[in-house]
Amino acid sequence: MIELMKKLASRVCVSLHFLLGNREYTPFLFLLREEDKNIFDYCRENNIDHVTKAIRSKKVDVNAKDDKGRALLHWACDRGHKELATVLLQHTADINSQDDEGQTALHYASTCEFSDIVELLLQSGADPTLRDTEGYLPEEVTDCRVITSMLQEHTAGKA
């Protein structure tokens, strides 16, 4: 068994994905070799140092998008990486960037029920009135009453 694990770890492996609704989840994440990783892998891993150095060196655009239109901020919010999301916002990440399905980082944080990140995004200027391509607001993609209330109060306060 250990030999098999070593063999697997030495190869380029990819994540096995399955779809749940219109969101993508990764139940199994095999280790990628360092040289095979891209900036999105480092973001998903919450490797703040690597992501920060890449952005500061101008090797990576803070608003770069993956093949489904997801920016680094989308990934940080999807994975619950609040500190990384803060760093990305400090480096002028587009807080209202929409992926190919029209979802913003606020949609991701709301769906995943990360109320601390929802609060961070709202305080940083995220627009809770942006709808995705199916017409859903961030408050409509969560089952968390605290987040729904937070989003509704924020929207009412702007009216």
N, C-alpha and C. Protein backbone atom coordinates (compact mmCIF):
# COMPACT_ATOMS: atom_id res chain seq x y z
N MET A 1 0.82 -1.19 0.00
CA MET A 1 0.00 0.00 0.00
C MET A 1 0.87 1.26 0.00
N ILE A 2 1.94 1.24 0.80
CA ILE A 2 2.82 2.40 0.87
C ILE A 2 3.49 2.64 -0.48
N GLU A 3 3.87 1.56 -1.16
CA GLU A 3 4.50 1.70 -2.48
C GLU A 3 3.52 2.34 -3.47
N LEU A 4 2.28 1.94 -3.41
CA LEU A 4 1.26 2.53 -4.28
C LEU A 4 1.09 4.01 -4.00
N MET A 5 1.08 4.38 -2.72
CA MET A 5 0.95 5.80 -2.34
C MET A 5 2.14 6.59 -2.86
N LYS A 6 3.35 6.04 -2.74
CA LYS A 6 4.53 6.73 -3.24
C LYS A 6 4.46 6.92 -4.75
N LYS A 7 3.99 5.87 -5.44
CA LYS A 7 3.85 5.94 -6.89
C LYS A 7 2.87 7.05 -7.29
N LEU A 8 1.73 7.06 -6.62
CA LEU A 8 0.72 8.08 -6.91
C LEU A 8 1.24 9.48 -6.64
N ALA A 9 1.94 9.66 -5.53
CA ALA A 9 2.46 10.97 -5.15
C ALA A 9 3.53 11.46 -6.12
N SER A 10 4.21 10.54 -6.78
CA SER A 10 5.29 10.94 -7.69
C SER A 10 4.77 11.32 -9.07
N ARG A 11 3.53 11.04 -9.34
CA ARG A 11 2.95 11.34 -10.66
C ARG A 11 2.14 12.62 -10.62
N VAL A 12 1.89 13.13 -11.81
CA VAL A 12 0.99 14.27 -11.93
C VAL A 12 -0.42 13.73 -11.79
N CYS A 13 -1.10 14.18 -10.77
CA CYS A 13 -2.46 13.72 -10.53
C CYS A 13 -3.40 14.91 -10.61
N VAL A 14 -4.60 14.64 -10.92
CA VAL A 14 -5.59 15.72 -10.99
C VAL A 14 -6.68 15.47 -9.97
N SER A 15 -7.39 16.51 -9.67
CA SER A 15 -8.51 16.39 -8.74
C SER A 15 -9.65 15.65 -9.42
N LEU A 16 -10.33 14.81 -8.65
CA LEU A 16 -11.54 14.17 -9.14
C LEU A 16 -12.70 15.06 -8.72
N HIS A 17 -13.46 15.45 -9.69
CA HIS A 17 -14.56 16.39 -9.41
C HIS A 17 -15.91 15.71 -9.60
N PHE A 18 -16.88 16.21 -8.90
CA PHE A 18 -18.25 15.86 -9.18
C PHE A 18 -19.09 17.12 -9.04
N LEU A 19 -20.20 17.13 -9.70
CA LEU A 19 -21.05 18.32 -9.66
C LEU A 19 -22.19 18.13 -8.68
N LEU A 20 -22.45 19.17 -7.95
CA LEU A 20 -23.58 19.21 -7.03
C LEU A 20 -24.29 20.51 -7.34
N GLY A 21 -25.43 20.41 -7.98
CA GLY A 21 -26.08 21.63 -8.46
C GLY A 21 -25.22 22.21 -9.55
N ASN A 22 -24.99 23.49 -9.49
CA ASN A 22 -24.16 24.13 -10.51
C ASN A 22 -22.78 24.48 -9.96
N ARG A 23 -22.41 23.92 -8.80
CA ARG A 23 -21.12 24.22 -8.18
C ARG A 23 -20.21 23.01 -8.28
N GLU A 24 -18.96 23.25 -8.37
CA GLU A 24 -17.98 22.17 -8.47
C GLU A 24 -17.30 21.96 -7.13
N TYR A 25 -17.19 20.71 -6.71
CA TYR A 25 -16.54 20.39 -5.45
C TYR A 25 -15.44 19.37 -5.70
N THR A 26 -14.48 19.33 -4.85
CA THR A 26 -13.37 18.40 -4.97
C THR A 26 -13.31 17.51 -3.73
N PRO A 27 -13.89 16.32 -3.80
CA PRO A 27 -13.87 15.45 -2.63
C PRO A 27 -12.50 14.81 -2.41
N PHE A 28 -11.76 14.58 -3.48
CA PHE A 28 -10.44 13.95 -3.40
C PHE A 28 -9.44 14.86 -4.08
N LEU A 29 -8.42 15.22 -3.38
CA LEU A 29 -7.39 16.05 -3.99
C LEU A 29 -6.07 15.31 -3.87
N PHE A 30 -5.56 14.90 -5.02
CA PHE A 30 -4.27 14.23 -5.01
C PHE A 30 -3.19 15.29 -5.05
N LEU A 31 -2.05 14.94 -4.55
CA LEU A 31 -0.94 15.89 -4.51
C LEU A 31 -0.41 16.14 -5.91
N LEU A 32 -0.23 17.39 -6.22
CA LEU A 32 0.40 17.78 -7.47
C LEU A 32 1.86 18.08 -7.19
N ARG A 33 2.70 17.78 -8.14
CA ARG A 33 4.09 18.16 -7.99
C ARG A 33 4.17 19.67 -8.05
N GLU A 34 5.10 20.27 -7.32
CA GLU A 34 5.25 21.74 -7.26
C GLU A 34 5.32 22.33 -8.67
N GLU A 35 6.09 21.71 -9.53
CA GLU A 35 6.28 22.28 -10.88
C GLU A 35 5.03 22.20 -11.75
N ASP A 36 4.04 21.43 -11.31
CA ASP A 36 2.80 21.31 -12.08
C ASP A 36 1.68 22.20 -11.56
N LYS A 37 1.94 22.92 -10.49
CA LYS A 37 0.91 23.77 -9.90
C LYS A 37 0.82 25.11 -10.61
N ASN A 38 -0.40 25.64 -10.64
CA ASN A 38 -0.59 27.00 -11.13
C ASN A 38 -1.07 27.87 -9.97
N ILE A 39 -1.28 29.14 -10.24
CA ILE A 39 -1.64 30.08 -9.17
C ILE A 39 -2.97 29.70 -8.49
N PHE A 40 -3.86 29.08 -9.24
CA PHE A 40 -5.15 28.68 -8.66
C PHE A 40 -4.97 27.52 -7.67
N ASP A 41 -4.02 26.63 -7.96
CA ASP A 41 -3.71 25.54 -7.02
C ASP A 41 -3.20 26.11 -5.71
N TYR A 42 -2.29 27.10 -5.81
CA TYR A 42 -1.74 27.72 -4.59
C TYR A 42 -2.84 28.46 -3.82
N CYS A 43 -3.76 29.04 -4.54
CA CYS A 43 -4.87 29.74 -3.89
C CYS A 43 -5.78 28.74 -3.18
N ARG A 44 -6.12 27.64 -3.84
CA ARG A 44 -6.97 26.61 -3.22
C ARG A 44 -6.30 26.03 -1.97
N GLU A 45 -4.95 25.95 -2.00
CA GLU A 45 -4.20 25.42 -0.85
C GLU A 45 -4.04 26.45 0.27
N ASN A 46 -4.45 27.68 0.02
CA ASN A 46 -4.28 28.78 0.97
C ASN A 46 -2.80 29.10 1.21
N ASN A 47 -2.02 29.01 0.14
CA ASN A 47 -0.60 29.33 0.22
C ASN A 47 -0.44 30.84 0.02
N ILE A 48 -0.69 31.57 1.08
CA ILE A 48 -0.70 33.04 1.04
C ILE A 48 0.65 33.60 0.59
N ASP A 49 1.73 33.03 1.09
CA ASP A 49 3.06 33.53 0.73
C ASP A 49 3.30 33.43 -0.77
N HIS A 50 3.02 32.27 -1.34
CA HIS A 50 3.27 32.08 -2.77
C HIS A 50 2.39 33.01 -3.61
N VAL A 51 1.12 33.08 -3.27
CA VAL A 51 0.19 33.93 -4.03
C VAL A 51 0.61 35.40 -3.92
N THR A 52 0.95 35.84 -2.72
CA THR A 52 1.36 37.23 -2.51
C THR A 52 2.62 37.56 -3.30
N LYS A 53 3.62 36.69 -3.23
CA LYS A 53 4.87 36.93 -3.97
C LYS A 53 4.62 36.99 -5.47
N ALA A 54 3.77 36.11 -5.98
CA ALA A 54 3.47 36.09 -7.41
C ALA A 54 2.78 37.38 -7.85
N ILE A 55 1.88 37.88 -7.03
CA ILE A 55 1.16 39.12 -7.37
C ILE A 55 2.11 40.31 -7.28
N ARG A 56 2.89 40.38 -6.21
CA ARG A 56 3.84 41.49 -6.04
C ARG A 56 4.89 41.55 -7.14
N SER A 57 5.31 40.38 -7.60
CA SER A 57 6.34 40.33 -8.65
C SER A 57 5.77 40.61 -10.03
N LYS A 58 4.45 40.77 -10.10
CA LYS A 58 3.73 41.04 -11.36
C LYS A 58 3.74 39.83 -12.29
N LYS A 59 4.09 38.65 -11.76
CA LYS A 59 4.05 37.42 -12.56
C LYS A 59 2.61 36.96 -12.74
N VAL A 60 1.75 37.40 -11.83
CA VAL A 60 0.34 37.00 -11.84
C VAL A 60 -0.52 38.24 -11.67
N ASP A 61 -1.55 38.32 -12.50
CA ASP A 61 -2.55 39.38 -12.37
C ASP A 61 -3.52 38.95 -11.26
N VAL A 62 -3.74 39.80 -10.29
CA VAL A 62 -4.62 39.46 -9.17
C VAL A 62 -6.03 39.11 -9.65
N ASN A 63 -6.39 39.57 -10.84
CA ASN A 63 -7.72 39.29 -11.39
C ASN A 63 -7.71 38.22 -12.47
N ALA A 64 -6.63 37.45 -12.54
CA ALA A 64 -6.55 36.35 -13.51
C ALA A 64 -7.72 35.39 -13.26
N LYS A 65 -8.22 34.80 -14.35
CA LYS A 65 -9.34 33.86 -14.24
C LYS A 65 -8.96 32.50 -14.78
N ASP A 66 -9.59 31.47 -14.21
CA ASP A 66 -9.36 30.11 -14.69
C ASP A 66 -10.27 29.83 -15.89
N ASP A 67 -10.31 28.60 -16.34
CA ASP A 67 -11.07 28.25 -17.54
C ASP A 67 -12.58 28.35 -17.37
N LYS A 68 -13.05 28.57 -16.17
CA LYS A 68 -14.49 28.75 -15.93
C LYS A 68 -14.80 30.16 -15.44
N GLY A 69 -13.82 31.05 -15.63
CA GLY A 69 -14.03 32.45 -15.28
C GLY A 69 -13.90 32.79 -13.81
N ARG A 70 -13.39 31.85 -13.01
CA ARG A 70 -13.25 32.08 -11.58
C ARG A 70 -11.91 32.76 -11.31
N ALA A 71 -11.98 33.87 -10.60
CA ALA A 71 -10.77 34.59 -10.21
C ALA A 71 -10.23 34.01 -8.90
N LEU A 72 -9.04 34.45 -8.53
CA LEU A 72 -8.44 34.00 -7.27
C LEU A 72 -9.36 34.28 -6.09
N LEU A 73 -10.02 35.43 -6.12
CA LEU A 73 -10.92 35.79 -5.02
C LEU A 73 -12.09 34.81 -4.93
N HIS A 74 -12.60 34.35 -6.06
CA HIS A 74 -13.66 33.33 -6.03
C HIS A 74 -13.18 32.10 -5.27
N TRP A 75 -11.97 31.64 -5.62
CA TRP A 75 -11.43 30.43 -4.99
C TRP A 75 -11.18 30.63 -3.49
N ALA A 76 -10.63 31.76 -3.12
CA ALA A 76 -10.38 32.02 -1.69
C ALA A 76 -11.69 32.01 -0.91
N CYS A 77 -12.72 32.62 -1.47
CA CYS A 77 -14.02 32.67 -0.79
C CYS A 77 -14.70 31.31 -0.78
N ASP A 78 -14.55 30.55 -1.85
CA ASP A 78 -15.13 29.21 -1.93
C ASP A 78 -14.53 28.27 -0.90
N ARG A 79 -13.24 28.44 -0.63
CA ARG A 79 -12.54 27.55 0.30
C ARG A 79 -12.52 28.06 1.73
N GLY A 80 -13.05 29.27 1.96
CA GLY A 80 -13.09 29.79 3.33
C GLY A 80 -11.78 30.40 3.79
N HIS A 81 -10.95 30.83 2.85
CA HIS A 81 -9.64 31.40 3.18
C HIS A 81 -9.76 32.92 3.36
N LYS A 82 -10.21 33.32 4.52
CA LYS A 82 -10.47 34.74 4.79
C LYS A 82 -9.20 35.59 4.70
N GLU A 83 -8.11 35.13 5.28
CA GLU A 83 -6.87 35.91 5.25
C GLU A 83 -6.38 36.10 3.81
N LEU A 84 -6.48 35.04 3.02
CA LEU A 84 -6.08 35.15 1.61
C LEU A 84 -7.01 36.11 0.87
N ALA A 85 -8.30 36.03 1.13
CA ALA A 85 -9.25 36.96 0.50
C ALA A 85 -8.89 38.40 0.85
N THR A 86 -8.52 38.63 2.11
CA THR A 86 -8.10 39.97 2.55
C THR A 86 -6.87 40.44 1.78
N VAL A 87 -5.90 39.56 1.63
CA VAL A 87 -4.68 39.90 0.88
C VAL A 87 -5.02 40.23 -0.57
N LEU A 88 -5.87 39.43 -1.18
CA LEU A 88 -6.26 39.68 -2.58
C LEU A 88 -6.96 41.02 -2.72
N LEU A 89 -7.82 41.35 -1.78
CA LEU A 89 -8.52 42.64 -1.81
C LEU A 89 -7.53 43.79 -1.61
N GLN A 90 -6.54 43.60 -0.77
CA GLN A 90 -5.51 44.63 -0.57
C GLN A 90 -4.70 44.86 -1.84
N HIS A 91 -4.64 43.85 -2.69
CA HIS A 91 -3.92 43.97 -3.97
C HIS A 91 -4.89 44.28 -5.12
N THR A 92 -5.99 44.90 -4.79
CA THR A 92 -7.01 45.40 -5.73
C THR A 92 -7.70 44.32 -6.57
N ALA A 93 -7.99 43.19 -5.95
CA ALA A 93 -8.81 42.19 -6.64
C ALA A 93 -10.17 42.81 -6.93
N ASP A 94 -10.73 42.49 -8.08
CA ASP A 94 -12.06 42.99 -8.46
C ASP A 94 -13.10 42.26 -7.62
N ILE A 95 -13.63 42.96 -6.65
CA ILE A 95 -14.55 42.35 -5.69
C ILE A 95 -15.87 41.89 -6.31
N ASN A 96 -16.24 42.49 -7.43
CA ASN A 96 -17.50 42.14 -8.08
C ASN A 96 -17.31 41.36 -9.38
N SER A 97 -16.13 40.80 -9.56
CA SER A 97 -15.85 39.98 -10.74
C SER A 97 -16.82 38.80 -10.78
N GLN A 98 -17.35 38.53 -11.97
CA GLN A 98 -18.30 37.43 -12.12
C GLN A 98 -17.67 36.31 -12.94
N ASP A 99 -17.94 35.08 -12.52
CA ASP A 99 -17.44 33.92 -13.27
C ASP A 99 -18.34 33.67 -14.47
N ASP A 100 -18.11 32.57 -15.17
CA ASP A 100 -18.89 32.28 -16.38
C ASP A 100 -20.37 32.06 -16.10
N GLU A 101 -20.73 31.81 -14.85
CA GLU A 101 -22.13 31.64 -14.46
C GLU A 101 -22.68 32.90 -13.80
N GLY A 102 -21.89 33.97 -13.86
CA GLY A 102 -22.33 35.25 -13.30
C GLY A 102 -22.20 35.36 -11.80
N GLN A 103 -21.56 34.37 -11.17
CA GLN A 103 -21.44 34.41 -9.72
C GLN A 103 -20.22 35.20 -9.29
N THR A 104 -20.42 35.96 -8.22
CA THR A 104 -19.34 36.76 -7.65
C THR A 104 -18.75 36.01 -6.45
N ALA A 105 -17.69 36.56 -5.91
CA ALA A 105 -17.12 35.99 -4.68
C ALA A 105 -18.16 35.97 -3.56
N LEU A 106 -19.04 36.96 -3.57
CA LEU A 106 -20.10 37.03 -2.56
C LEU A 106 -21.08 35.86 -2.71
N HIS A 107 -21.38 35.46 -3.94
CA HIS A 107 -22.20 34.27 -4.17
C HIS A 107 -21.51 33.04 -3.57
N TYR A 108 -20.20 32.92 -3.83
CA TYR A 108 -19.45 31.76 -3.34
C TYR A 108 -19.42 31.71 -1.82
N ALA A 109 -19.09 32.82 -1.19
CA ALA A 109 -19.03 32.86 0.27
C ALA A 109 -20.41 32.59 0.88
N SER A 110 -21.45 33.09 0.23
CA SER A 110 -22.82 32.87 0.72
C SER A 110 -23.22 31.41 0.59
N THR A 111 -22.97 30.83 -0.58
CA THR A 111 -23.30 29.42 -0.82
C THR A 111 -22.60 28.51 0.18
N CYS A 112 -21.34 28.79 0.42
CA CYS A 112 -20.52 27.95 1.32
C CYS A 112 -20.71 28.30 2.79
N GLU A 113 -21.51 29.32 3.05
CA GLU A 113 -21.89 29.74 4.40
C GLU A 113 -20.71 30.21 5.26
N PHE A 114 -19.83 30.99 4.65
CA PHE A 114 -18.73 31.60 5.38
C PHE A 114 -19.13 33.03 5.74
N SER A 115 -19.85 33.18 6.85
CA SER A 115 -20.39 34.48 7.22
C SER A 115 -19.30 35.52 7.47
N ASP A 116 -18.14 35.09 7.97
CA ASP A 116 -17.06 36.04 8.19
C ASP A 116 -16.53 36.61 6.87
N ILE A 117 -16.53 35.79 5.84
CA ILE A 117 -16.07 36.27 4.54
C ILE A 117 -17.15 37.12 3.88
N VAL A 118 -18.41 36.76 4.05
CA VAL A 118 -19.50 37.60 3.54
C VAL A 118 -19.38 38.99 4.15
N GLU A 119 -19.16 39.05 5.46
CA GLU A 119 -19.02 40.33 6.14
C GLU A 119 -17.82 41.11 5.59
N LEU A 120 -16.69 40.45 5.40
CA LEU A 120 -15.49 41.08 4.83
C LEU A 120 -15.79 41.66 3.45
N LEU A 121 -16.44 40.88 2.61
CA LEU A 121 -16.74 41.33 1.25
C LEU A 121 -17.69 42.54 1.26
N LEU A 122 -18.70 42.49 2.09
CA LEU A 122 -19.64 43.61 2.18
C LEU A 122 -18.94 44.88 2.67
N GLN A 123 -18.09 44.73 3.69
CA GLN A 123 -17.34 45.89 4.21
C GLN A 123 -16.36 46.44 3.18
N SER A 124 -15.95 45.58 2.25
CA SER A 124 -14.97 45.99 1.23
C SER A 124 -15.63 46.49 -0.05
N GLY A 125 -16.96 46.53 -0.07
CA GLY A 125 -17.65 47.11 -1.21
C GLY A 125 -18.31 46.14 -2.17
N ALA A 126 -18.45 44.88 -1.80
CA ALA A 126 -19.12 43.92 -2.69
C ALA A 126 -20.57 44.33 -2.89
N ASP A 127 -21.06 44.12 -4.10
CA ASP A 127 -22.42 44.49 -4.46
C ASP A 127 -23.36 43.30 -4.29
N PRO A 128 -24.21 43.30 -3.25
CA PRO A 128 -25.11 42.17 -3.03
C PRO A 128 -26.32 42.14 -3.97
N THR A 129 -26.40 43.11 -4.88
CA THR A 129 -27.53 43.14 -5.81
C THR A 129 -27.18 42.55 -7.18
N LEU A 130 -25.95 42.05 -7.33
CA LEU A 130 -25.57 41.42 -8.60
C LEU A 130 -26.16 40.02 -8.67
N ARG A 131 -26.83 39.73 -9.77
CA ARG A 131 -27.46 38.42 -9.98
C ARG A 131 -26.58 37.56 -10.87
N ASP A 132 -26.65 36.25 -10.65
CA ASP A 132 -25.91 35.33 -11.52
C ASP A 132 -26.73 35.09 -12.79
N THR A 133 -26.25 34.25 -13.70
CA THR A 133 -26.92 34.05 -14.98
C THR A 133 -28.29 33.39 -14.83
N GLU A 134 -28.54 32.76 -13.70
CA GLU A 134 -29.85 32.16 -13.44
C GLU A 134 -30.77 33.12 -12.71
N GLY A 135 -30.27 34.32 -12.44
CA GLY A 135 -31.08 35.34 -11.81
C GLY A 135 -31.03 35.38 -10.29
N TYR A 136 -30.11 34.61 -9.68
CA TYR A 136 -30.05 34.55 -8.22
C TYR A 136 -29.12 35.60 -7.62
N LEU A 137 -29.61 36.22 -6.54
CA LEU A 137 -28.81 37.11 -5.72
C LEU A 137 -28.00 36.27 -4.73
N PRO A 138 -26.93 36.80 -4.16
CA PRO A 138 -26.19 36.05 -3.14
C PRO A 138 -27.08 35.59 -1.97
N GLU A 139 -28.06 36.40 -1.58
CA GLU A 139 -28.94 36.01 -0.46
C GLU A 139 -29.84 34.83 -0.81
N GLU A 140 -29.97 34.56 -2.11
CA GLU A 140 -30.85 33.48 -2.55
C GLU A 140 -30.11 32.15 -2.77
N VAL A 141 -28.80 32.14 -2.57
CA VAL A 141 -28.03 30.91 -2.79
C VAL A 141 -27.52 30.31 -1.48
N THR A 142 -28.05 30.80 -0.37
CA THR A 142 -27.62 30.29 0.94
C THR A 142 -28.82 29.84 1.75
N ASP A 143 -28.58 28.87 2.62
CA ASP A 143 -29.60 28.43 3.57
C ASP A 143 -29.33 28.98 4.96
N CYS A 144 -28.29 29.79 5.08
CA CYS A 144 -27.88 30.34 6.37
C CYS A 144 -28.66 31.64 6.65
N ARG A 145 -29.45 31.62 7.68
CA ARG A 145 -30.28 32.79 8.02
C ARG A 145 -29.43 34.00 8.39
N VAL A 146 -28.31 33.77 9.05
CA VAL A 146 -27.43 34.87 9.45
C VAL A 146 -26.92 35.60 8.20
N ILE A 147 -26.50 34.83 7.19
CA ILE A 147 -25.99 35.44 5.95
C ILE A 147 -27.11 36.13 5.20
N THR A 148 -28.26 35.49 5.10
CA THR A 148 -29.40 36.11 4.42
C THR A 148 -29.74 37.44 5.07
N SER A 149 -29.80 37.45 6.39
CA SER A 149 -30.11 38.67 7.13
C SER A 149 -29.04 39.73 6.90
N MET A 150 -27.78 39.34 6.95
CA MET A 150 -26.67 40.27 6.75
C MET A 150 -26.76 40.93 5.36
N LEU A 151 -27.04 40.12 4.35
CA LEU A 151 -27.13 40.63 2.98
C LEU A 151 -28.35 41.54 2.81
N GLN A 152 -29.47 41.16 3.38
CA GLN A 152 -30.69 41.98 3.28
C GLN A 152 -30.51 43.31 4.00
N GLU A 153 -29.91 43.27 5.19
CA GLU A 153 -29.69 44.51 5.94
C GLU A 153 -28.73 45.44 5.19
N HIS A 154 -27.71 44.87 4.60
CA HIS A 154 -26.74 45.66 3.84
C HIS A 154 -27.41 46.32 2.63
N THR A 155 -28.25 45.56 1.95
CA THR A 155 -28.95 46.08 0.77
C THR A 155 -29.94 47.17 1.19
N ALA A 156 -30.67 46.95 2.28
CA ALA A 156 -31.63 47.94 2.77
C ALA A 156 -30.93 49.21 3.21
N GLY A 157 -29.76 49.07 3.79
CA GLY A 157 -29.00 50.24 4.25
C GLY A 157 -28.50 51.11 3.11
N LYS A 158 -28.38 50.55 1.92
CA LYS A 158 -27.90 51.29 0.75
C LYS A 158 -29.05 52.00 0.02
N ALA A 159 -30.29 51.56 0.32
CA ALA A 159 -31.45 52.14 -0.39
C ALA A 159 -31.82 53.51 0.09
